[in-house]
Amino acid sequence: MDLKVPITIHDELDESVITSTGLLDLASGEIRSLKYADYDVEASGLPADREDYEFTCGVLSNDGKDVEFRVEVDIFSGNYSVSAGELLEIKIRAAKLFAGIEGKALLAGAPPAPRPAAKGGTGGRGKLH
């Protein structure tokens, strides 16, 4: 199953913003296929490695509605990603905003945790009367 959604990324600097697009993997939190708009990373370096860098955020948009979230940047590898906690928050906020589903209802739709087997007897498989 493909769980990648298009996002917009903003690397915030002191006096400007560098915008790019990418694909957020909703299963892992990794951001792939990063494409900068009007910024040459080869010539200028990774935005997060600049002295005037402040932070990076992402925006997931659907039908005129946006969910904004924090993006982590690994300056050594150049990889962009979202933490596991932030990823869960994105999913809950996106479900609420885009589909009108509350977080509790979203979690309630998850399959129930397995119950421990009953001791003795038929192992939980009793006869129908």
N, C-alpha and C. Protein backbone atom coordinates (compact mmCIF):
# COMPACT_ATOMS: atom_id res chain seq x y z
N MET A 1 0.84 -1.18 0.00
CA MET A 1 0.00 0.00 0.00
C MET A 1 0.88 1.24 0.00
N ASP A 2 0.58 2.17 -0.89
CA ASP A 2 1.35 3.41 -1.00
C ASP A 2 0.78 4.44 -0.04
N LEU A 3 1.58 4.84 0.93
CA LEU A 3 1.12 5.79 1.94
C LEU A 3 1.89 7.10 1.86
N LYS A 4 2.23 7.53 0.66
CA LYS A 4 2.98 8.77 0.48
C LYS A 4 2.04 9.88 0.03
N VAL A 5 2.13 11.02 0.71
CA VAL A 5 1.28 12.17 0.36
C VAL A 5 2.16 13.37 0.05
N PRO A 6 1.74 14.18 -0.93
CA PRO A 6 2.54 15.37 -1.28
C PRO A 6 2.41 16.44 -0.19
N ILE A 7 3.55 17.06 0.11
CA ILE A 7 3.58 18.13 1.12
C ILE A 7 4.41 19.29 0.59
N THR A 8 4.23 20.44 1.22
CA THR A 8 5.07 21.60 0.99
C THR A 8 5.94 21.78 2.22
N ILE A 9 7.20 22.12 2.01
CA ILE A 9 8.15 22.29 3.11
C ILE A 9 8.68 23.71 3.10
N HIS A 10 8.79 24.29 4.29
CA HIS A 10 9.32 25.65 4.43
C HIS A 10 10.52 25.61 5.38
N ASP A 11 11.71 25.93 4.83
CA ASP A 11 12.89 26.11 5.66
C ASP A 11 12.93 27.59 6.00
N GLU A 12 12.68 27.91 7.28
CA GLU A 12 12.59 29.30 7.73
C GLU A 12 13.99 29.81 8.09
N LEU A 13 14.36 30.93 7.46
CA LEU A 13 15.62 31.61 7.74
C LEU A 13 15.29 32.94 8.42
N ASP A 14 16.30 33.65 8.90
CA ASP A 14 16.07 34.94 9.56
C ASP A 14 15.23 35.89 8.71
N GLU A 15 15.59 36.05 7.46
CA GLU A 15 14.96 37.07 6.61
C GLU A 15 14.19 36.50 5.42
N SER A 16 14.16 35.18 5.25
CA SER A 16 13.48 34.61 4.09
C SER A 16 13.02 33.18 4.38
N VAL A 17 12.30 32.62 3.42
CA VAL A 17 11.81 31.25 3.53
C VAL A 17 12.17 30.52 2.24
N ILE A 18 12.74 29.33 2.38
CA ILE A 18 13.04 28.49 1.23
C ILE A 18 11.96 27.43 1.15
N THR A 19 11.27 27.39 0.03
CA THR A 19 10.15 26.48 -0.15
C THR A 19 10.55 25.30 -1.02
N SER A 20 10.05 24.14 -0.66
CA SER A 20 10.27 22.94 -1.46
C SER A 20 9.04 22.05 -1.36
N THR A 21 9.02 21.02 -2.17
CA THR A 21 7.95 20.03 -2.12
C THR A 21 8.57 18.66 -1.92
N GLY A 22 7.78 17.74 -1.43
CA GLY A 22 8.26 16.38 -1.23
C GLY A 22 7.10 15.44 -0.99
N LEU A 23 7.41 14.18 -0.75
CA LEU A 23 6.42 13.17 -0.45
C LEU A 23 6.65 12.66 0.96
N LEU A 24 5.65 12.80 1.82
CA LEU A 24 5.72 12.31 3.19
C LEU A 24 5.20 10.88 3.22
N ASP A 25 6.04 9.96 3.68
CA ASP A 25 5.65 8.56 3.85
C ASP A 25 4.93 8.46 5.19
N LEU A 26 3.63 8.23 5.16
CA LEU A 26 2.83 8.18 6.38
C LEU A 26 3.10 6.94 7.22
N ALA A 27 3.81 5.98 6.67
CA ALA A 27 4.17 4.79 7.45
C ALA A 27 5.46 5.00 8.23
N SER A 28 6.44 5.68 7.63
CA SER A 28 7.76 5.80 8.26
C SER A 28 8.09 7.22 8.74
N GLY A 29 7.45 8.23 8.17
CA GLY A 29 7.78 9.61 8.51
C GLY A 29 8.90 10.19 7.65
N GLU A 30 9.44 9.40 6.74
CA GLU A 30 10.49 9.90 5.86
C GLU A 30 9.90 10.79 4.78
N ILE A 31 10.65 11.81 4.39
CA ILE A 31 10.23 12.70 3.32
C ILE A 31 11.17 12.46 2.15
N ARG A 32 10.59 12.11 1.02
CA ARG A 32 11.38 11.77 -0.17
C ARG A 32 11.03 12.71 -1.31
N SER A 33 11.79 12.59 -2.39
CA SER A 33 11.56 13.36 -3.63
C SER A 33 11.50 14.85 -3.38
N LEU A 34 12.43 15.34 -2.56
CA LEU A 34 12.49 16.76 -2.22
C LEU A 34 12.93 17.58 -3.42
N LYS A 35 12.15 18.62 -3.74
CA LYS A 35 12.47 19.51 -4.86
C LYS A 35 12.34 20.95 -4.37
N TYR A 36 13.47 21.67 -4.39
CA TYR A 36 13.48 23.07 -3.96
C TYR A 36 12.96 23.97 -5.07
N ALA A 37 12.22 25.00 -4.69
CA ALA A 37 11.75 26.01 -5.64
C ALA A 37 12.68 27.22 -5.52
N ASP A 38 13.30 27.59 -6.60
CA ASP A 38 14.17 28.78 -6.63
C ASP A 38 15.30 28.73 -5.60
N TYR A 39 15.87 27.55 -5.40
CA TYR A 39 17.01 27.42 -4.48
C TYR A 39 17.92 26.33 -5.01
N ASP A 40 19.21 26.63 -5.15
CA ASP A 40 20.19 25.67 -5.65
C ASP A 40 20.97 25.10 -4.46
N VAL A 41 20.56 23.92 -4.01
CA VAL A 41 21.20 23.30 -2.85
C VAL A 41 22.66 22.95 -3.14
N GLU A 42 22.97 22.66 -4.40
CA GLU A 42 24.36 22.34 -4.77
C GLU A 42 25.27 23.55 -4.56
N ALA A 43 24.79 24.72 -4.94
CA ALA A 43 25.60 25.93 -4.84
C ALA A 43 25.55 26.56 -3.45
N SER A 44 24.38 26.50 -2.80
CA SER A 44 24.20 27.22 -1.53
C SER A 44 24.23 26.34 -0.29
N GLY A 45 24.21 25.04 -0.47
CA GLY A 45 24.21 24.13 0.67
C GLY A 45 22.82 23.88 1.22
N LEU A 46 22.72 22.96 2.13
CA LEU A 46 21.46 22.62 2.77
C LEU A 46 20.96 23.81 3.59
N PRO A 47 19.71 24.20 3.43
CA PRO A 47 19.21 25.35 4.19
C PRO A 47 19.43 25.21 5.70
N ALA A 48 19.25 24.03 6.25
CA ALA A 48 19.40 23.82 7.69
C ALA A 48 20.83 23.98 8.17
N ASP A 49 21.78 24.01 7.26
CA ASP A 49 23.18 24.14 7.63
C ASP A 49 23.66 25.61 7.53
N ARG A 50 22.76 26.50 7.19
CA ARG A 50 23.11 27.92 7.08
C ARG A 50 23.08 28.59 8.45
N GLU A 51 23.86 29.65 8.61
CA GLU A 51 23.90 30.39 9.88
C GLU A 51 22.57 31.04 10.23
N ASP A 52 21.82 31.46 9.21
CA ASP A 52 20.55 32.17 9.46
C ASP A 52 19.34 31.22 9.52
N TYR A 53 19.58 29.92 9.57
CA TYR A 53 18.49 28.93 9.64
C TYR A 53 17.81 28.97 11.00
N GLU A 54 16.48 28.90 11.01
CA GLU A 54 15.72 28.88 12.27
C GLU A 54 15.02 27.54 12.50
N PHE A 55 14.16 27.09 11.56
CA PHE A 55 13.45 25.82 11.71
C PHE A 55 12.84 25.42 10.38
N THR A 56 12.30 24.19 10.33
CA THR A 56 11.64 23.69 9.14
C THR A 56 10.26 23.18 9.52
N CYS A 57 9.29 23.50 8.69
CA CYS A 57 7.93 22.99 8.91
C CYS A 57 7.38 22.47 7.59
N GLY A 58 6.39 21.61 7.70
CA GLY A 58 5.74 21.06 6.53
C GLY A 58 4.26 21.38 6.57
N VAL A 59 3.64 21.32 5.39
CA VAL A 59 2.21 21.58 5.28
C VAL A 59 1.59 20.50 4.40
N LEU A 60 0.58 19.84 4.94
CA LEU A 60 -0.21 18.87 4.21
C LEU A 60 -1.52 19.57 3.87
N SER A 61 -1.86 19.66 2.59
CA SER A 61 -3.05 20.40 2.16
C SER A 61 -4.03 19.48 1.45
N ASN A 62 -5.32 19.79 1.66
CA ASN A 62 -6.37 19.04 0.98
C ASN A 62 -7.60 19.93 0.90
N ASP A 63 -8.05 20.20 -0.31
CA ASP A 63 -9.30 20.93 -0.54
C ASP A 63 -9.33 22.27 0.20
N GLY A 64 -8.21 23.00 0.15
CA GLY A 64 -8.14 24.31 0.78
C GLY A 64 -7.90 24.31 2.28
N LYS A 65 -7.73 23.13 2.87
CA LYS A 65 -7.45 23.01 4.30
C LYS A 65 -6.02 22.54 4.48
N ASP A 66 -5.35 23.06 5.54
CA ASP A 66 -3.94 22.75 5.77
C ASP A 66 -3.71 22.19 7.16
N VAL A 67 -2.74 21.28 7.25
CA VAL A 67 -2.22 20.81 8.53
C VAL A 67 -0.74 21.11 8.52
N GLU A 68 -0.28 21.92 9.47
CA GLU A 68 1.12 22.30 9.56
C GLU A 68 1.80 21.47 10.64
N PHE A 69 3.06 21.09 10.42
CA PHE A 69 3.77 20.23 11.35
C PHE A 69 5.27 20.49 11.29
N ARG A 70 5.97 20.04 12.32
CA ARG A 70 7.42 20.22 12.43
C ARG A 70 8.13 19.15 11.60
N VAL A 71 9.18 19.56 10.92
CA VAL A 71 10.02 18.66 10.12
C VAL A 71 11.42 18.67 10.70
N GLU A 72 11.99 17.49 10.88
CA GLU A 72 13.37 17.34 11.34
C GLU A 72 14.28 17.27 10.12
N VAL A 73 15.45 17.90 10.22
CA VAL A 73 16.43 17.87 9.13
C VAL A 73 17.74 17.34 9.68
N ASP A 74 18.26 16.29 9.06
CA ASP A 74 19.56 15.74 9.42
C ASP A 74 20.60 16.43 8.53
N ILE A 75 21.37 17.34 9.10
CA ILE A 75 22.31 18.12 8.29
C ILE A 75 23.46 17.28 7.74
N PHE A 76 23.71 16.13 8.33
CA PHE A 76 24.80 15.28 7.84
C PHE A 76 24.40 14.49 6.60
N SER A 77 23.17 13.99 6.57
CA SER A 77 22.69 13.20 5.43
C SER A 77 21.85 14.02 4.46
N GLY A 78 21.32 15.16 4.93
CA GLY A 78 20.43 15.96 4.10
C GLY A 78 19.00 15.43 4.07
N ASN A 79 18.70 14.43 4.90
CA ASN A 79 17.37 13.83 4.91
C ASN A 79 16.40 14.64 5.76
N TYR A 80 15.18 14.75 5.26
CA TYR A 80 14.08 15.39 5.97
C TYR A 80 13.15 14.29 6.46
N SER A 81 12.59 14.46 7.67
CA SER A 81 11.68 13.45 8.20
C SER A 81 10.78 14.07 9.27
N VAL A 82 9.83 13.26 9.71
CA VAL A 82 8.90 13.65 10.77
C VAL A 82 9.03 12.60 11.87
N SER A 83 9.10 13.04 13.13
CA SER A 83 9.22 12.10 14.25
C SER A 83 7.96 11.25 14.37
N ALA A 84 8.06 10.13 15.05
CA ALA A 84 6.92 9.22 15.22
C ALA A 84 5.77 9.91 15.93
N GLY A 85 6.06 10.67 16.98
CA GLY A 85 5.01 11.39 17.71
C GLY A 85 4.34 12.44 16.85
N GLU A 86 5.14 13.17 16.08
CA GLU A 86 4.60 14.19 15.19
C GLU A 86 3.77 13.54 14.08
N LEU A 87 4.21 12.39 13.59
CA LEU A 87 3.49 11.68 12.54
C LEU A 87 2.10 11.25 13.01
N LEU A 88 2.00 10.75 14.23
CA LEU A 88 0.70 10.38 14.79
C LEU A 88 -0.20 11.61 14.90
N GLU A 89 0.37 12.71 15.37
CA GLU A 89 -0.39 13.96 15.49
C GLU A 89 -0.88 14.44 14.13
N ILE A 90 -0.05 14.31 13.10
CA ILE A 90 -0.45 14.70 11.74
C ILE A 90 -1.64 13.87 11.29
N LYS A 91 -1.58 12.58 11.51
CA LYS A 91 -2.67 11.69 11.08
C LYS A 91 -3.97 12.04 11.79
N ILE A 92 -3.91 12.30 13.08
CA ILE A 92 -5.12 12.63 13.84
C ILE A 92 -5.67 13.99 13.40
N ARG A 93 -4.80 14.99 13.28
CA ARG A 93 -5.24 16.32 12.87
C ARG A 93 -5.78 16.32 11.44
N ALA A 94 -5.12 15.57 10.55
CA ALA A 94 -5.57 15.50 9.16
C ALA A 94 -6.94 14.81 9.07
N ALA A 95 -7.14 13.74 9.83
CA ALA A 95 -8.43 13.05 9.82
C ALA A 95 -9.53 13.98 10.33
N LYS A 96 -9.23 14.72 11.36
CA LYS A 96 -10.21 15.64 11.94
C LYS A 96 -10.53 16.78 10.97
N LEU A 97 -9.50 17.37 10.38
CA LEU A 97 -9.68 18.51 9.50
C LEU A 97 -10.27 18.11 8.15
N PHE A 98 -9.72 17.09 7.53
CA PHE A 98 -10.11 16.73 6.18
C PHE A 98 -11.40 15.92 6.12
N ALA A 99 -11.60 15.03 7.10
CA ALA A 99 -12.76 14.14 7.05
C ALA A 99 -13.76 14.39 8.17
N GLY A 100 -13.45 15.28 9.09
CA GLY A 100 -14.35 15.54 10.19
C GLY A 100 -14.38 14.43 11.22
N ILE A 101 -13.34 13.60 11.25
CA ILE A 101 -13.26 12.49 12.19
C ILE A 101 -12.49 12.92 13.42
N GLU A 102 -13.03 12.72 14.60
CA GLU A 102 -12.35 13.05 15.85
C GLU A 102 -11.27 12.00 16.14
N GLY A 103 -10.22 12.41 16.84
CA GLY A 103 -9.11 11.51 17.17
C GLY A 103 -9.56 10.27 17.90
N LYS A 104 -10.48 10.41 18.86
CA LYS A 104 -10.97 9.25 19.61
C LYS A 104 -11.69 8.26 18.70
N ALA A 105 -12.47 8.78 17.75
CA ALA A 105 -13.17 7.91 16.81
C ALA A 105 -12.18 7.20 15.89
N LEU A 106 -11.13 7.92 15.50
CA LEU A 106 -10.10 7.32 14.65
C LEU A 106 -9.43 6.18 15.38
N LEU A 107 -9.07 6.41 16.64
CA LEU A 107 -8.43 5.36 17.43
C LEU A 107 -9.41 4.23 17.74
N ALA A 108 -10.71 4.55 17.89
CA ALA A 108 -11.71 3.52 18.18
C ALA A 108 -11.87 2.58 16.99
N GLY A 109 -11.57 3.05 15.79
CA GLY A 109 -11.68 2.22 14.60
C GLY A 109 -10.52 1.25 14.44
N ALA A 110 -9.50 1.39 15.27
CA ALA A 110 -8.34 0.48 15.21
C ALA A 110 -8.78 -0.88 15.72
N PRO A 111 -8.20 -1.95 15.21
CA PRO A 111 -8.57 -3.28 15.69
C PRO A 111 -8.26 -3.42 17.17
N PRO A 112 -9.13 -4.14 17.91
CA PRO A 112 -8.91 -4.29 19.35
C PRO A 112 -7.65 -5.10 19.64
N ALA A 113 -7.06 -4.82 20.77
CA ALA A 113 -5.88 -5.57 21.20
C ALA A 113 -6.29 -7.01 21.48
N PRO A 114 -5.45 -7.99 21.14
CA PRO A 114 -5.80 -9.39 21.40
C PRO A 114 -5.94 -9.64 22.90
N ARG A 115 -6.92 -10.45 23.24
CA ARG A 115 -7.14 -10.81 24.64
C ARG A 115 -6.36 -12.06 24.96
N PRO A 116 -5.89 -12.20 26.21
CA PRO A 116 -5.20 -13.43 26.57
C PRO A 116 -6.18 -14.60 26.53
N ALA A 117 -5.68 -15.77 26.17
CA ALA A 117 -6.52 -16.97 26.10
C ALA A 117 -7.01 -17.34 27.49
N ALA A 118 -8.24 -17.84 27.56
CA ALA A 118 -8.81 -18.27 28.83
C ALA A 118 -8.08 -19.52 29.31
N LYS A 119 -7.93 -19.62 30.62
CA LYS A 119 -7.22 -20.78 31.18
C LYS A 119 -8.16 -21.98 31.21
N GLY A 120 -7.61 -23.11 30.83
CA GLY A 120 -8.36 -24.37 30.91
C GLY A 120 -9.48 -24.41 29.91
N GLY A 121 -10.34 -25.39 30.03
CA GLY A 121 -11.54 -25.52 29.21
C GLY A 121 -11.22 -25.69 27.75
N THR A 122 -11.97 -25.00 26.92
CA THR A 122 -11.88 -25.20 25.46
C THR A 122 -10.99 -24.16 24.79
N GLY A 123 -10.23 -23.43 25.57
CA GLY A 123 -9.33 -22.44 24.98
C GLY A 123 -10.10 -21.29 24.36
N GLY A 124 -11.27 -20.99 24.95
CA GLY A 124 -12.06 -19.87 24.44
C GLY A 124 -13.04 -20.27 23.36
N ARG A 125 -13.05 -21.57 22.97
CA ARG A 125 -13.95 -22.01 21.91
C ARG A 125 -15.03 -22.91 22.52
N GLY A 126 -15.98 -22.32 23.17
CA GLY A 126 -17.03 -23.09 23.82
C GLY A 126 -18.06 -23.55 22.83
N LYS A 127 -18.95 -24.46 23.25
CA LYS A 127 -20.01 -24.98 22.40
C LYS A 127 -21.16 -23.98 22.36
N LEU A 128 -21.82 -23.92 21.24
CA LEU A 128 -23.03 -23.12 21.10
C LEU A 128 -24.19 -23.88 21.67
N HIS A 129 -25.07 -23.22 22.42
CA HIS A 129 -26.23 -23.91 22.99
C HIS A 129 -27.47 -23.53 22.26
